[in-house]
Amino acid sequence: MTTTTVGGWSAWGPVTPEEKKIFTEATHGLVGVIYTPQLVSTQLVAGTNYRFKCQASLVSPAIGQWEAIVQIYQPLKGAPHITHITPV
């Protein structure tokens, strides 16, 4: 995991296996678009916010690919969930 200061976002860094697990849990059930995390930035709050820089593509690859930021919140207790997806 990258170094994080409370309230501030960390620098972008490689996705660890633990962060990949959080991403997979939060995005489980999404249909139509495939998001592949490339980098991650974190923010410590009452839990942890994650910004995953992803390669995104429609299930039909003929449509093309783009980058997106998938923001996920991991509360202190409970399951992580998506809070926002922004095409870049």
N, C-alpha and C. Protein backbone atom coordinates (compact mmCIF):
# COMPACT_ATOMS: atom_id res chain seq x y z
N MET A 1 0.85 -1.18 0.00
CA MET A 1 0.00 0.00 0.00
C MET A 1 0.89 1.24 0.00
N THR A 2 0.47 2.26 -0.72
CA THR A 2 1.24 3.49 -0.79
C THR A 2 1.09 4.29 0.51
N THR A 3 2.04 5.18 0.79
CA THR A 3 2.00 5.99 2.00
C THR A 3 0.88 7.01 1.89
N THR A 4 0.08 7.13 2.94
CA THR A 4 -1.08 8.02 2.94
C THR A 4 -1.06 8.88 4.19
N THR A 5 -1.38 10.16 4.03
CA THR A 5 -1.55 11.04 5.18
C THR A 5 -3.04 11.22 5.42
N VAL A 6 -3.43 11.36 6.67
CA VAL A 6 -4.84 11.50 7.01
C VAL A 6 -5.42 12.72 6.30
N GLY A 7 -6.50 12.50 5.56
CA GLY A 7 -7.19 13.58 4.85
C GLY A 7 -6.63 13.91 3.49
N GLY A 8 -5.39 13.57 3.20
CA GLY A 8 -4.79 13.88 1.90
C GLY A 8 -4.68 12.63 1.04
N TRP A 9 -4.66 12.84 -0.25
CA TRP A 9 -4.51 11.71 -1.19
C TRP A 9 -3.04 11.35 -1.33
N SER A 10 -2.76 10.07 -1.39
CA SER A 10 -1.40 9.60 -1.63
C SER A 10 -1.06 9.78 -3.10
N ALA A 11 0.21 9.66 -3.42
CA ALA A 11 0.63 9.65 -4.83
C ALA A 11 0.09 8.37 -5.48
N TRP A 12 -0.06 8.40 -6.80
CA TRP A 12 -0.48 7.19 -7.53
C TRP A 12 0.62 6.15 -7.41
N GLY A 13 0.22 4.89 -7.22
CA GLY A 13 1.18 3.81 -7.13
C GLY A 13 0.58 2.51 -7.64
N PRO A 14 1.38 1.46 -7.68
CA PRO A 14 0.88 0.16 -8.15
C PRO A 14 -0.20 -0.40 -7.21
N VAL A 15 -1.09 -1.17 -7.78
CA VAL A 15 -2.18 -1.79 -7.03
C VAL A 15 -1.66 -3.05 -6.33
N THR A 16 -1.83 -3.10 -5.01
CA THR A 16 -1.39 -4.27 -4.24
C THR A 16 -2.47 -5.36 -4.32
N PRO A 17 -2.12 -6.59 -3.97
CA PRO A 17 -3.14 -7.65 -3.94
C PRO A 17 -4.33 -7.31 -3.03
N GLU A 18 -4.07 -6.69 -1.88
CA GLU A 18 -5.15 -6.31 -0.96
C GLU A 18 -6.07 -5.27 -1.61
N GLU A 19 -5.48 -4.28 -2.28
CA GLU A 19 -6.29 -3.25 -2.96
C GLU A 19 -7.08 -3.85 -4.13
N LYS A 20 -6.48 -4.81 -4.83
CA LYS A 20 -7.17 -5.50 -5.92
C LYS A 20 -8.40 -6.24 -5.39
N LYS A 21 -8.26 -6.85 -4.20
CA LYS A 21 -9.37 -7.56 -3.58
C LYS A 21 -10.51 -6.59 -3.26
N ILE A 22 -10.19 -5.41 -2.72
CA ILE A 22 -11.19 -4.38 -2.42
C ILE A 22 -11.87 -3.94 -3.70
N PHE A 23 -11.08 -3.70 -4.76
CA PHE A 23 -11.63 -3.29 -6.06
C PHE A 23 -12.59 -4.35 -6.59
N THR A 24 -12.18 -5.59 -6.55
CA THR A 24 -13.00 -6.70 -7.07
C THR A 24 -14.30 -6.82 -6.29
N GLU A 25 -14.24 -6.71 -4.97
CA GLU A 25 -15.44 -6.80 -4.15
C GLU A 25 -16.41 -5.66 -4.46
N ALA A 26 -15.89 -4.45 -4.58
CA ALA A 26 -16.74 -3.28 -4.81
C ALA A 26 -17.36 -3.28 -6.21
N THR A 27 -16.65 -3.81 -7.20
CA THR A 27 -17.14 -3.77 -8.58
C THR A 27 -17.89 -5.04 -8.98
N HIS A 28 -17.98 -6.00 -8.08
CA HIS A 28 -18.70 -7.24 -8.37
C HIS A 28 -20.14 -6.92 -8.78
N GLY A 29 -20.56 -7.46 -9.88
CA GLY A 29 -21.93 -7.24 -10.33
C GLY A 29 -22.08 -6.14 -11.38
N LEU A 30 -21.02 -5.35 -11.62
CA LEU A 30 -21.11 -4.35 -12.68
C LEU A 30 -21.20 -5.08 -14.02
N VAL A 31 -22.05 -4.61 -14.90
CA VAL A 31 -22.18 -5.23 -16.22
C VAL A 31 -22.00 -4.18 -17.31
N GLY A 32 -21.55 -4.63 -18.46
CA GLY A 32 -21.44 -3.76 -19.62
C GLY A 32 -20.07 -3.16 -19.85
N VAL A 33 -19.37 -2.80 -18.77
CA VAL A 33 -18.04 -2.21 -18.88
C VAL A 33 -17.08 -3.02 -18.02
N ILE A 34 -15.91 -3.29 -18.56
CA ILE A 34 -14.86 -3.99 -17.82
C ILE A 34 -13.84 -2.95 -17.37
N TYR A 35 -13.61 -2.85 -16.07
CA TYR A 35 -12.62 -1.93 -15.51
C TYR A 35 -11.42 -2.73 -15.03
N THR A 36 -10.22 -2.36 -15.50
CA THR A 36 -8.99 -3.02 -15.10
C THR A 36 -8.11 -2.00 -14.39
N PRO A 37 -7.93 -2.12 -13.06
CA PRO A 37 -7.14 -1.12 -12.33
C PRO A 37 -5.66 -1.15 -12.72
N GLN A 38 -5.10 0.04 -12.96
CA GLN A 38 -3.70 0.18 -13.32
C GLN A 38 -2.88 0.80 -12.19
N LEU A 39 -3.45 1.82 -11.54
CA LEU A 39 -2.79 2.55 -10.44
C LEU A 39 -3.82 2.86 -9.37
N VAL A 40 -3.35 3.16 -8.16
CA VAL A 40 -4.26 3.50 -7.06
C VAL A 40 -3.69 4.65 -6.24
N SER A 41 -4.60 5.45 -5.69
CA SER A 41 -4.28 6.52 -4.75
C SER A 41 -5.27 6.37 -3.60
N THR A 42 -4.81 6.59 -2.37
CA THR A 42 -5.68 6.40 -1.21
C THR A 42 -5.77 7.67 -0.36
N GLN A 43 -6.87 7.73 0.41
CA GLN A 43 -7.11 8.84 1.33
C GLN A 43 -7.70 8.25 2.60
N LEU A 44 -7.03 8.49 3.73
CA LEU A 44 -7.55 8.01 5.02
C LEU A 44 -8.58 8.99 5.55
N VAL A 45 -9.77 8.48 5.81
CA VAL A 45 -10.85 9.24 6.43
C VAL A 45 -11.41 8.32 7.52
N ALA A 46 -12.69 8.35 7.79
CA ALA A 46 -13.28 7.35 8.69
C ALA A 46 -13.48 6.09 7.85
N GLY A 47 -12.39 5.44 7.55
CA GLY A 47 -12.31 4.36 6.57
C GLY A 47 -11.25 4.77 5.57
N THR A 48 -11.33 4.27 4.36
CA THR A 48 -10.36 4.63 3.33
C THR A 48 -11.08 4.86 2.00
N ASN A 49 -10.75 5.97 1.35
CA ASN A 49 -11.18 6.21 -0.02
C ASN A 49 -10.08 5.73 -0.95
N TYR A 50 -10.48 5.09 -2.03
CA TYR A 50 -9.54 4.62 -3.04
C TYR A 50 -9.92 5.25 -4.37
N ARG A 51 -8.92 5.75 -5.10
CA ARG A 51 -9.11 6.17 -6.49
C ARG A 51 -8.30 5.20 -7.34
N PHE A 52 -8.98 4.42 -8.15
CA PHE A 52 -8.30 3.48 -9.04
C PHE A 52 -8.31 4.06 -10.44
N LYS A 53 -7.12 4.27 -11.01
CA LYS A 53 -7.01 4.68 -12.42
C LYS A 53 -7.10 3.39 -13.22
N CYS A 54 -8.14 3.30 -14.07
CA CYS A 54 -8.44 2.05 -14.75
C CYS A 54 -8.43 2.19 -16.26
N GLN A 55 -8.18 1.08 -16.92
CA GLN A 55 -8.44 0.94 -18.34
C GLN A 55 -9.86 0.40 -18.41
N ALA A 56 -10.73 1.07 -19.16
CA ALA A 56 -12.12 0.65 -19.26
C ALA A 56 -12.43 0.27 -20.70
N SER A 57 -13.29 -0.72 -20.85
CA SER A 57 -13.74 -1.12 -22.18
C SER A 57 -15.12 -1.74 -22.06
N LEU A 58 -15.88 -1.59 -23.13
CA LEU A 58 -17.18 -2.24 -23.18
C LEU A 58 -16.95 -3.73 -23.35
N VAL A 59 -17.94 -4.50 -22.97
CA VAL A 59 -17.83 -5.94 -23.12
C VAL A 59 -17.51 -6.30 -24.57
N SER A 60 -18.05 -5.51 -25.52
CA SER A 60 -17.73 -5.68 -26.93
C SER A 60 -16.50 -4.82 -27.24
N PRO A 61 -15.31 -5.43 -27.42
CA PRO A 61 -14.09 -4.64 -27.61
C PRO A 61 -14.07 -3.81 -28.88
N ALA A 62 -14.98 -4.05 -29.80
CA ALA A 62 -15.01 -3.27 -31.04
C ALA A 62 -15.35 -1.81 -30.78
N ILE A 63 -15.94 -1.50 -29.66
CA ILE A 63 -16.35 -0.13 -29.34
C ILE A 63 -15.17 0.73 -28.94
N GLY A 64 -14.14 0.16 -28.36
CA GLY A 64 -12.96 0.93 -27.98
C GLY A 64 -12.69 0.89 -26.49
N GLN A 65 -11.62 1.59 -26.11
CA GLN A 65 -11.20 1.64 -24.72
C GLN A 65 -10.99 3.09 -24.30
N TRP A 66 -11.04 3.35 -23.01
CA TRP A 66 -10.79 4.67 -22.46
C TRP A 66 -10.29 4.49 -21.03
N GLU A 67 -9.82 5.57 -20.43
CA GLU A 67 -9.42 5.54 -19.03
C GLU A 67 -10.56 6.07 -18.17
N ALA A 68 -10.62 5.58 -16.95
CA ALA A 68 -11.62 6.03 -16.00
C ALA A 68 -11.03 5.98 -14.60
N ILE A 69 -11.54 6.84 -13.73
CA ILE A 69 -11.21 6.80 -12.32
C ILE A 69 -12.41 6.19 -11.59
N VAL A 70 -12.17 5.08 -10.93
CA VAL A 70 -13.22 4.42 -10.14
C VAL A 70 -12.91 4.71 -8.68
N GLN A 71 -13.81 5.45 -8.03
CA GLN A 71 -13.60 5.80 -6.63
C GLN A 71 -14.42 4.87 -5.75
N ILE A 72 -13.76 4.29 -4.75
CA ILE A 72 -14.36 3.30 -3.86
C ILE A 72 -14.13 3.72 -2.42
N TYR A 73 -15.16 3.55 -1.60
CA TYR A 73 -15.04 3.81 -0.17
C TYR A 73 -15.07 2.49 0.59
N GLN A 74 -14.06 2.27 1.44
CA GLN A 74 -14.00 1.11 2.32
C GLN A 74 -14.23 1.61 3.74
N PRO A 75 -15.44 1.40 4.29
CA PRO A 75 -15.70 1.85 5.66
C PRO A 75 -14.90 1.02 6.66
N LEU A 76 -14.82 1.51 7.89
CA LEU A 76 -14.11 0.78 8.93
C LEU A 76 -14.75 -0.59 9.16
N LYS A 77 -16.07 -0.65 9.05
CA LYS A 77 -16.82 -1.91 9.17
C LYS A 77 -17.76 -1.99 7.98
N GLY A 78 -17.78 -3.13 7.34
CA GLY A 78 -18.69 -3.31 6.21
C GLY A 78 -17.96 -3.46 4.89
N ALA A 79 -18.74 -3.61 3.84
CA ALA A 79 -18.20 -3.88 2.51
C ALA A 79 -17.83 -2.59 1.77
N PRO A 80 -16.79 -2.65 0.93
CA PRO A 80 -16.44 -1.49 0.11
C PRO A 80 -17.51 -1.29 -0.96
N HIS A 81 -17.67 -0.04 -1.40
CA HIS A 81 -18.65 0.24 -2.46
C HIS A 81 -18.17 1.40 -3.32
N ILE A 82 -18.62 1.40 -4.55
CA ILE A 82 -18.28 2.47 -5.49
C ILE A 82 -19.00 3.74 -5.11
N THR A 83 -18.28 4.85 -5.11
CA THR A 83 -18.90 6.15 -4.85
C THR A 83 -18.99 7.00 -6.11
N HIS A 84 -18.10 6.73 -7.09
CA HIS A 84 -18.10 7.54 -8.30
C HIS A 84 -17.24 6.88 -9.39
N ILE A 85 -17.67 7.00 -10.62
CA ILE A 85 -16.87 6.58 -11.77
C ILE A 85 -16.80 7.76 -12.72
N THR A 86 -15.57 8.18 -13.06
CA THR A 86 -15.35 9.34 -13.92
C THR A 86 -14.53 8.95 -15.14
N PRO A 87 -15.09 9.08 -16.35
CA PRO A 87 -14.27 8.86 -17.54
C PRO A 87 -13.19 9.95 -17.62
N VAL A 88 -12.00 9.58 -18.06
CA VAL A 88 -10.90 10.54 -18.16
C VAL A 88 -10.65 10.83 -19.63
